[in-house]
C-alpha atoms as a PDB file:
ATOM      1  CA  UNK A   1      93.903 -58.956 210.147  1.00  0.00           C
ATOM      2  CA  UNK A   2      90.341 -58.013 210.167  1.00  0.00           C
ATOM      3  CA  UNK A   3      87.774 -55.401 209.095  1.00  0.00           C
ATOM      4  CA  UNK A   4      87.541 -53.350 212.545  1.00  0.00           C
ATOM      5  CA  UNK A   5      84.724 -50.658 212.977  1.00  0.00           C
ATOM      6  CA  UNK A   6      85.124 -47.539 215.213  1.00  0.00           C
ATOM      7  CA  UNK A   7      84.208 -49.782 218.395  1.00  0.00           C
ATOM      8  CA  UNK A   8      87.272 -52.064 217.689  1.00  0.00           C
ATOM      9  CA  UNK A   9      84.952 -55.095 217.024  1.00  0.00           C
ATOM     10  CA  UNK A  10      86.723 -57.622 214.706  1.00  0.00           C
ATOM     11  CA  UNK A  11      83.528 -58.312 212.245  1.00  0.00           C
ATOM     12  CA  UNK A  12      85.119 -60.230 209.468  1.00  0.00           C
ATOM     13  CA  UNK A  13      88.459 -61.504 208.792  1.00  0.00           C
ATOM     14  CA  UNK A  14      90.390 -61.097 205.468  1.00  0.00           C
ATOM     15  CA  UNK A  15      91.662 -64.385 205.575  1.00  0.00           C
ATOM     16  CA  UNK A  16      88.639 -66.263 205.934  1.00  0.00           C
ATOM     17  CA  UNK A  17      87.532 -66.544 202.366  1.00  0.00           C
ATOM     18  CA  UNK A  18      89.284 -69.440 201.148  1.00  0.00           C
ATOM     19  CA  UNK A  19      90.088 -70.849 197.638  1.00  0.00           C
ATOM     20  CA  UNK A  20      88.763 -74.205 196.914  1.00  0.00           C
ATOM     21  CA  UNK A  21      88.813 -76.696 193.973  1.00  0.00           C
ATOM     22  CA  UNK A  22      86.328 -79.417 193.286  1.00  0.00           C
ATOM     23  CA  UNK A  23      87.913 -82.914 192.816  1.00  0.00           C
ATOM     24  CA  UNK A  24      86.472 -85.793 190.764  1.00  0.00           C
ATOM     25  CA  UNK A  25      87.363 -89.357 191.090  1.00  0.00           C
ATOM     26  CA  UNK A  26      88.065 -90.874 187.529  1.00  0.00           C
ATOM     27  CA  UNK A  27      89.672 -94.139 186.777  1.00  0.00           C
ATOM     28  CA  UNK A  28      91.615 -94.034 190.132  1.00  0.00           C
ATOM     29  CA  UNK A  29      92.852 -90.624 189.964  1.00  0.00           C
ATOM     30  CA  UNK A  30      91.717 -87.195 191.128  1.00  0.00           C
ATOM     31  CA  UNK A  31      90.517 -84.654 188.628  1.00  0.00           C
ATOM     32  CA  UNK A  32      90.705 -81.015 189.551  1.00  0.00           C
ATOM     33  CA  UNK A  33      87.731 -78.907 188.364  1.00  0.00           C
ATOM     34  CA  UNK A  34      86.331 -75.492 188.723  1.00  0.00           C
ATOM     35  CA  UNK A  35      87.015 -72.855 191.668  1.00  0.00           C
ATOM     36  CA  UNK A  36      84.692 -71.672 194.204  1.00  0.00           C
ATOM     37  CA  UNK A  37      84.774 -69.757 197.495  1.00  0.00           C
ATOM     38  CA  UNK A  38      83.902 -70.611 200.991  1.00  0.00           C
ATOM     39  CA  UNK A  39      83.993 -69.291 204.500  1.00  0.00           C
ATOM     40  CA  UNK A  40      84.254 -71.014 207.689  1.00  0.00           C
ATOM     41  CA  UNK A  41      82.103 -70.886 210.917  1.00  0.00           C
ATOM     42  CA  UNK A  42      82.207 -72.454 214.176  1.00  0.00           C
ATOM     43  CA  UNK A  43      79.663 -73.903 216.545  1.00  0.00           C
ATOM     44  CA  UNK A  44      79.885 -76.051 219.526  1.00  0.00           C
ATOM     45  CA  UNK A  45      83.679 -76.232 218.931  1.00  0.00           C
ATOM     46  CA  UNK A  46      82.949 -77.680 215.464  1.00  0.00           C
ATOM     47  CA  UNK A  47      84.137 -75.872 212.054  1.00  0.00           C
ATOM     48  CA  UNK A  48      82.100 -75.854 209.204  1.00  0.00           C
ATOM     49  CA  UNK A  49      82.581 -74.879 205.605  1.00  0.00           C
ATOM     50  CA  UNK A  50      79.874 -72.524 204.234  1.00  0.00           C
ATOM     51  CA  UNK A  51      79.241 -72.539 200.490  1.00  0.00           C
ATOM     52  CA  UNK A  52      76.319 -73.018 197.917  1.00  0.00           C
ATOM     53  CA  UNK A  53      74.486 -76.079 197.439  1.00  0.00           C
ATOM     54  CA  UNK A  54      75.479 -76.033 193.703  1.00  0.00           C
ATOM     55  CA  UNK A  55      79.107 -75.943 194.576  1.00  0.00           C
ATOM     56  CA  UNK A  56      79.078 -79.430 196.433  1.00  0.00           C
ATOM     57  CA  UNK A  57      76.559 -81.104 194.030  1.00  0.00           C
ATOM     58  CA  UNK A  58      78.092 -79.790 190.827  1.00  0.00           C
ATOM     59  CA  UNK A  59      74.538 -79.125 189.565  1.00  0.00           C
ATOM     60  CA  UNK A  60      73.061 -75.841 188.734  1.00  0.00           C
ATOM     61  CA  UNK A  61      70.340 -74.814 191.475  1.00  0.00           C
ATOM     62  CA  UNK A  62      67.836 -73.703 188.955  1.00  0.00           C
ATOM     63  CA  UNK A  63      68.313 -75.560 185.886  1.00  0.00           C
ATOM     64  CA  UNK A  64      69.544 -78.721 187.411  1.00  0.00           C
ATOM     65  CA  UNK A  65      72.158 -79.034 184.572  1.00  0.00           C
ATOM     66  CA  UNK A  66      75.728 -80.524 185.621  1.00  0.00           C
ATOM     67  CA  UNK A  67      78.444 -78.234 185.431  1.00  0.00           C
ATOM     68  CA  UNK A  68      80.997 -80.769 184.182  1.00  0.00           C
ATOM     69  CA  UNK A  69      80.821 -81.763 180.414  1.00  0.00           C
ATOM     70  CA  UNK A  70      81.246 -85.290 181.196  1.00  0.00           C
ATOM     71  CA  UNK A  71      78.287 -85.165 183.703  1.00  0.00           C
ATOM     72  CA  UNK A  72      80.520 -86.054 186.619  1.00  0.00           C
ATOM     73  CA  UNK A  73      79.740 -84.603 190.058  1.00  0.00           C
ATOM     74  CA  UNK A  74      82.271 -83.777 192.612  1.00  0.00           C
ATOM     75  CA  UNK A  75      83.114 -86.236 195.500  1.00  0.00           C
ATOM     76  CA  UNK A  76      85.608 -84.178 197.234  1.00  0.00           C
ATOM     77  CA  UNK A  77      86.743 -80.636 197.853  1.00  0.00           C
ATOM     78  CA  UNK A  78      90.266 -79.270 198.250  1.00  0.00           C
ATOM     79  CA  UNK A  79      90.665 -76.317 200.349  1.00  0.00           C
ATOM     80  CA  UNK A  80      93.571 -74.091 200.617  1.00  0.00           C
ATOM     81  CA  UNK A  81      93.767 -73.395 204.514  1.00  0.00           C
ATOM     82  CA  UNK A  82      95.579 -70.457 206.072  1.00  0.00           C
ATOM     83  CA  UNK A  83      98.672 -71.945 208.099  1.00  0.00           C
ATOM     84  CA  UNK A  84      99.533 -70.611 211.468  1.00  0.00           C
ATOM     85  CA  UNK A  85     102.272 -68.354 209.503  1.00  0.00           C
ATOM     86  CA  UNK A  86      99.966 -66.113 207.942  1.00  0.00           C
ATOM     87  CA  UNK A  87     100.643 -65.706 204.118  1.00  0.00           C
ATOM     88  CA  UNK A  88     101.201 -69.494 203.708  1.00  0.00           C
ATOM     89  CA  UNK A  89      98.676 -71.954 202.773  1.00  0.00           C
ATOM     90  CA  UNK A  90      98.184 -75.809 203.033  1.00  0.00           C
ATOM     91  CA  UNK A  91      96.029 -77.695 200.517  1.00  0.00           C
ATOM     92  CA  UNK A  92      93.893 -80.152 202.143  1.00  0.00           C
ATOM     93  CA  UNK A  93      91.072 -82.511 200.808  1.00  0.00           C
ATOM     94  CA  UNK A  94      87.590 -82.896 202.335  1.00  0.00           C
ATOM     95  CA  UNK A  95      85.025 -85.719 201.297  1.00  0.00           C
ATOM     96  CA  UNK A  96      81.767 -84.712 200.399  1.00  0.00           C
ATOM     97  CA  UNK A  97      80.322 -88.248 201.006  1.00  0.00           C
ATOM     98  CA  UNK A  98      80.738 -90.852 203.646  1.00  0.00           C
ATOM     99  CA  UNK A  99      81.772 -94.315 203.328  1.00  0.00           C
ATOM    100  CA  UNK A 100      78.192 -95.367 202.523  1.00  0.00           C
ATOM    101  CA  UNK A 101      77.724 -92.937 200.002  1.00  0.00           C
ATOM    102  CA  UNK A 102      75.684 -90.452 202.107  1.00  0.00           C
ATOM    103  CA  UNK A 103      76.182 -86.707 201.653  1.00  0.00           C
ATOM    104  CA  UNK A 104      78.013 -85.209 204.492  1.00  0.00           C
ATOM    105  CA  UNK A 105      76.751 -81.645 204.117  1.00  0.00           C
ATOM    106  CA  UNK A 106      73.808 -80.035 205.759  1.00  0.00           C
ATOM    107  CA  UNK A 107      71.489 -78.036 203.596  1.00  0.00           C
ATOM    108  CA  UNK A 108      69.688 -75.093 204.519  1.00  0.00           C
ATOM    109  CA  UNK A 109      65.963 -75.238 204.880  1.00  0.00           C
ATOM    110  CA  UNK A 110      63.975 -71.964 205.252  1.00  0.00           C
ATOM    111  CA  UNK A 111      60.425 -71.885 205.865  1.00  0.00           C
ATOM    112  CA  UNK A 112      60.024 -75.404 203.984  1.00  0.00           C
ATOM    113  CA  UNK A 113      62.269 -74.376 201.156  1.00  0.00           C
ATOM    114  CA  UNK A 114      65.608 -75.581 200.486  1.00  0.00           C
ATOM    115  CA  UNK A 115      68.053 -72.791 199.704  1.00  0.00           C
ATOM    116  CA  UNK A 116      71.262 -72.603 197.799  1.00  0.00           C
ATOM    117  CA  UNK A 117      73.304 -72.613 201.134  1.00  0.00           C
ATOM    118  CA  UNK A 118      75.054 -75.540 202.706  1.00  0.00           C
ATOM    119  CA  UNK A 119      77.431 -76.329 205.734  1.00  0.00           C
ATOM    120  CA  UNK A 120      80.129 -79.006 205.412  1.00  0.00           C
ATOM    121  CA  UNK A 121      81.588 -80.350 208.685  1.00  0.00           C
ATOM    122  CA  UNK A 122      85.512 -80.131 208.288  1.00  0.00           C
ATOM    123  CA  UNK A 123      87.183 -83.348 209.349  1.00  0.00           C
ATOM    124  CA  UNK A 124      90.747 -82.619 208.324  1.00  0.00           C
ATOM    125  CA  UNK A 125      92.089 -79.843 210.473  1.00  0.00           C
ATOM    126  CA  UNK A 126      95.874 -80.217 211.335  1.00  0.00           C
ATOM    127  CA  UNK A 127      97.527 -78.303 213.886  1.00  0.00           C
ATOM    128  CA  UNK A 128      99.640 -76.434 211.144  1.00  0.00           C
ATOM    129  CA  UNK A 129      96.602 -74.544 210.079  1.00  0.00           C
ATOM    130  CA  UNK A 130      94.852 -71.364 211.590  1.00  0.00           C
ATOM    131  CA  UNK A 131      91.077 -71.093 211.194  1.00  0.00           C
ATOM    132  CA  UNK A 132      89.636 -67.623 211.013  1.00  0.00           C
ATOM    133  CA  UNK A 133      85.755 -68.214 211.237  1.00  0.00           C
ATOM    134  CA  UNK A 134      83.428 -65.724 210.261  1.00  0.00           C
ATOM    135  CA  UNK A 135      82.121 -63.701 213.410  1.00  0.00           C
ATOM    136  CA  UNK A 136      78.490 -64.750 213.440  1.00  0.00           C
ATOM    137  CA  UNK A 137      77.598 -62.456 216.520  1.00  0.00           C
ATOM    138  CA  UNK A 138      76.952 -59.477 214.494  1.00  0.00           C
ATOM    139  CA  UNK A 139      74.383 -60.818 211.895  1.00  0.00           C
ATOM    140  CA  UNK A 140      72.281 -57.957 211.991  1.00  0.00           C
ATOM    141  CA  UNK A 141      73.539 -54.360 212.837  1.00  0.00           C
ATOM    142  CA  UNK A 142      71.913 -50.930 212.566  1.00  0.00           C
ATOM    143  CA  UNK A 143      73.758 -49.414 209.634  1.00  0.00           C
ATOM    144  CA  UNK A 144      71.681 -47.123 207.382  1.00  0.00           C
ATOM    145  CA  UNK A 145      71.836 -48.728 203.931  1.00  0.00           C
ATOM    146  CA  UNK A 146      69.829 -48.034 200.828  1.00  0.00           C
ATOM    147  CA  UNK A 147      69.617 -49.490 197.231  1.00  0.00           C
ATOM    148  CA  UNK A 148      72.558 -47.882 195.131  1.00  0.00           C
ATOM    149  CA  UNK A 149      74.944 -47.960 198.046  1.00  0.00           C
ATOM    150  CA  UNK A 150      78.233 -49.952 197.243  1.00  0.00           C
ATOM    151  CA  UNK A 151      79.134 -53.462 198.304  1.00  0.00           C
ATOM    152  CA  UNK A 152      82.073 -55.597 198.346  1.00  0.00           C
ATOM    153  CA  UNK A 153      82.061 -59.044 196.847  1.00  0.00           C
ATOM    154  CA  UNK A 154      84.947 -60.891 198.325  1.00  0.00           C
ATOM    155  CA  UNK A 155      86.386 -63.854 196.357  1.00  0.00           C
ATOM    156  CA  UNK A 156      88.319 -65.360 193.312  1.00  0.00           C
ATOM    157  CA  UNK A 157      86.879 -64.179 189.897  1.00  0.00           C
ATOM    158  CA  UNK A 158      87.760 -67.103 187.599  1.00  0.00           C
ATOM    159  CA  UNK A 159      90.297 -68.328 190.100  1.00  0.00           C
ATOM    160  CA  UNK A 160      92.346 -65.096 190.290  1.00  0.00           C
ATOM    161  CA  UNK A 161      93.680 -63.981 193.658  1.00  0.00           C
ATOM    162  CA  UNK A 162      95.261 -60.857 194.949  1.00  0.00           C
ATOM    163  CA  UNK A 163      98.388 -62.616 196.183  1.00  0.00           C
ATOM    164  CA  UNK A 164      99.075 -66.021 197.182  1.00  0.00           C
ATOM    165  CA  UNK A 165      95.647 -67.326 198.289  1.00  0.00           C
ATOM    166  CA  UNK A 166      94.230 -63.859 199.319  1.00  0.00           C
ATOM    167  CA  UNK A 167      90.636 -62.931 197.879  1.00  0.00           C
ATOM    168  CA  UNK A 168      89.920 -60.096 195.650  1.00  0.00           C
ATOM    169  CA  UNK A 169      87.487 -57.379 196.519  1.00  0.00           C
ATOM    170  CA  UNK A 170      85.026 -56.696 193.638  1.00  0.00           C
ATOM    171  CA  UNK A 171      82.725 -53.895 193.825  1.00  0.00           C
ATOM    172  CA  UNK A 172      79.065 -53.702 193.177  1.00  0.00           C
ATOM    173  CA  UNK A 173      75.879 -51.981 194.267  1.00  0.00           C
ATOM    174  CA  UNK A 174      72.547 -52.763 196.135  1.00  0.00           C
ATOM    175  CA  UNK A 175      70.014 -53.311 193.290  1.00  0.00           C
ATOM    176  CA  UNK A 176      66.881 -54.079 195.338  1.00  0.00           C
ATOM    177  CA  UNK A 177      65.420 -53.126 198.689  1.00  0.00           C
ATOM    178  CA  UNK A 178      67.060 -54.982 201.661  1.00  0.00           C
ATOM    179  CA  UNK A 179      63.640 -55.304 203.411  1.00  0.00           C
ATOM    180  CA  UNK A 180      62.134 -57.186 200.337  1.00  0.00           C
ATOM    181  CA  UNK A 181      62.801 -60.776 199.595  1.00  0.00           C
ATOM    182  CA  UNK A 182      63.095 -61.955 195.989  1.00  0.00           C
ATOM    183  CA  UNK A 183      60.788 -64.712 194.751  1.00  0.00           C
ATOM    184  CA  UNK A 184      59.892 -65.553 198.240  1.00  0.00           C
ATOM    185  CA  UNK A 185      63.458 -66.296 199.196  1.00  0.00           C
ATOM    186  CA  UNK A 186      65.623 -64.257 201.698  1.00  0.00           C
ATOM    187  CA  UNK A 187      67.872 -62.753 199.122  1.00  0.00           C
ATOM    188  CA  UNK A 188      68.441 -59.261 197.572  1.00  0.00           C
ATOM    189  CA  UNK A 189      70.027 -58.131 194.272  1.00  0.00           C
ATOM    190  CA  UNK A 190      73.335 -56.448 193.627  1.00  0.00           C
ATOM    191  CA  UNK A 191      74.400 -54.794 190.212  1.00  0.00           C
ATOM    192  CA  UNK A 192      77.979 -56.084 189.956  1.00  0.00           C
ATOM    193  CA  UNK A 193      80.137 -57.642 187.034  1.00  0.00           C
ATOM    194  CA  UNK A 194      80.872 -61.078 188.684  1.00  0.00           C
ATOM    195  CA  UNK A 195      82.627 -63.917 187.229  1.00  0.00           C
ATOM    196  CA  UNK A 196      82.463 -67.841 187.234  1.00  0.00           C
ATOM    197  CA  UNK A 197      83.725 -69.457 190.218  1.00  0.00           C
ATOM    198  CA  UNK A 198      82.266 -66.604 192.780  1.00  0.00           C
ATOM    199  CA  UNK A 199      79.721 -68.621 194.199  1.00  0.00           C
ATOM    200  CA  UNK A 200      80.054 -68.472 198.071  1.00  0.00           C
ATOM    201  CA  UNK A 201      81.617 -65.066 198.151  1.00  0.00           C
ATOM    202  CA  UNK A 202      80.945 -63.039 201.245  1.00  0.00           C
ATOM    203  CA  UNK A 203      79.149 -59.571 200.410  1.00  0.00           C
ATOM    204  CA  UNK A 204      79.704 -56.894 202.850  1.00  0.00           C
ATOM    205  CA  UNK A 205      78.948 -53.115 203.259  1.00  0.00           C
ATOM    206  CA  UNK A 206      81.798 -50.845 204.234  1.00  0.00           C
ATOM    207  CA  UNK A 207      81.544 -46.808 204.532  1.00  0.00           C
ATOM    208  CA  UNK A 208      83.438 -43.998 206.027  1.00  0.00           C
ATOM    209  CA  UNK A 209      81.746 -42.148 207.609  1.00  0.00           C
ATOM    210  CA  UNK A 210      78.754 -44.329 208.208  1.00  0.00           C
ATOM    211  CA  UNK A 211      75.084 -43.832 209.206  1.00  0.00           C
ATOM    212  CA  UNK A 212      73.348 -45.602 212.082  1.00  0.00           C
ATOM    213  CA  UNK A 213      69.701 -45.735 212.097  1.00  0.00           C
ATOM    214  CA  UNK A 214      68.249 -43.030 214.331  1.00  0.00           C
ATOM    215  CA  UNK A 215      71.610 -42.211 215.739  1.00  0.00           C
ATOM    216  CA  UNK A 216      73.383 -40.177 213.196  1.00  0.00           C
ATOM    217  CA  UNK A 217      76.541 -40.003 211.528  1.00  0.00           C
ATOM    218  CA  UNK A 218      79.703 -41.754 212.937  1.00  0.00           C
ATOM    219  CA  UNK A 219      83.259 -41.396 211.935  1.00  0.00           C
ATOM    220  CA  UNK A 220      85.503 -44.387 211.135  1.00  0.00           C
ATOM    221  CA  UNK A 221      84.688 -47.419 209.031  1.00  0.00           C
ATOM    222  CA  UNK A 222      81.272 -49.075 209.477  1.00  0.00           C
ATOM    223  CA  UNK A 223      81.106 -52.492 208.369  1.00  0.00           C
ATOM    224  CA  UNK A 224      78.175 -55.046 208.054  1.00  0.00           C
ATOM    225  CA  UNK A 225      77.895 -58.305 206.835  1.00  0.00           C
ATOM    226  CA  UNK A 226      75.228 -58.553 204.011  1.00  0.00           C
ATOM    227  CA  UNK A 227      75.178 -62.241 202.942  1.00  0.00           C
ATOM    228  CA  UNK A 228      76.425 -64.872 200.501  1.00  0.00           C
ATOM    229  CA  UNK A 229      76.460 -64.296 196.995  1.00  0.00           C
ATOM    230  CA  UNK A 230      75.075 -67.319 194.948  1.00  0.00           C
ATOM    231  CA  UNK A 231      74.376 -66.534 191.345  1.00  0.00           C
ATOM    232  CA  UNK A 232      73.993 -63.964 188.634  1.00  0.00           C
ATOM    233  CA  UNK A 233      71.940 -63.253 185.434  1.00  0.00           C
ATOM    234  CA  UNK A 234      75.025 -62.543 183.084  1.00  0.00           C
ATOM    235  CA  UNK A 235      72.949 -60.647 180.436  1.00  0.00           C
ATOM    236  CA  UNK A 236      71.584 -58.233 182.976  1.00  0.00           C
ATOM    237  CA  UNK A 237      74.854 -58.309 185.178  1.00  0.00           C
ATOM    238  CA  UNK A 238      72.413 -58.782 188.282  1.00  0.00           C
ATOM    239  CA  UNK A 239      73.515 -60.913 191.075  1.00  0.00           C
ATOM    240  CA  UNK A 240      71.721 -62.709 193.980  1.00  0.00           C
ATOM    241  CA  UNK A 241      72.746 -62.635 197.556  1.00  0.00           C
ATOM    242  CA  UNK A 242      71.256 -64.598 200.216  1.00  0.00           C
ATOM    243  CA  UNK A 243      70.660 -62.496 203.384  1.00  0.00           C
ATOM    244  CA  UNK A 244      72.227 -63.046 206.942  1.00  0.00           C
ATOM    245  CA  UNK A 245      68.896 -64.648 208.077  1.00  0.00           C
ATOM    246  CA  UNK A 246      69.743 -67.535 205.771  1.00  0.00           C
ATOM    247  CA  UNK A 247      73.046 -68.333 207.358  1.00  0.00           C
ATOM    248  CA  UNK A 248      71.581 -67.908 210.654  1.00  0.00           C
ATOM    249  CA  UNK A 249      68.914 -70.390 209.768  1.00  0.00           C
ATOM    250  CA  UNK A 250      71.370 -72.846 208.640  1.00  0.00           C
ATOM    251  CA  UNK A 251      73.516 -72.508 211.685  1.00  0.00           C
ATOM    252  CA  UNK A 252      70.395 -73.146 213.761  1.00  0.00           C
ATOM    253  CA  UNK A 253      70.170 -76.451 212.019  1.00  0.00           C
ATOM    254  CA  UNK A 254      73.846 -77.435 213.037  1.00  0.00           C
ATOM    255  CA  UNK A 255      74.192 -79.784 216.191  1.00  0.00           C
END
């Protein structure tokens, strides 16, 4: 299953957004904590979990406050992977630190600035699961997109899913010029009512019919990956989305 444009290019897969739970170690037992969203990319035959930095640290990216009331930080992440039989899932844990206590994730460095975006190499991938990686060959497309156009934020608001472990599509609208970076960071704004636990959600644009720059109107469904959702100002209901260049920059850092 995928989002298919008029040229039959599979661009992003319905099943690539995976529900995760943080795991804390406390007195010899694992404690399940808050939910988040991830996607998976592949490079050089390796699979990487893509999510926000604050998801793996358990610390707010801006205020530096811990999310856990007991000031604990996660040392693992449990992932609901798709099985080969679509519609079934397997819960598999991944460690966030190696045996020496060194963090396993790679942080995105963009023009000398650390972004709220990381890649975690996946170590536990049994033959019974199926990876649906994000198609990174279409970072930049020529669809005509303006502020006010609708976008979809694909994730699990407050841990809610549509069926089984399939994600929910929430609708928002582009609230800033895509050509302009916000606060010196490659991100744009969306006007959307998002919920806790949607960090790391994919944000895409879909339109039918759709416009291509300098080429006019096309029939069918036009789809473009717009970035990774990071956070929201709750009072104003304005969300922040890291642009595709941030993910490309992170991928370029991977071995």
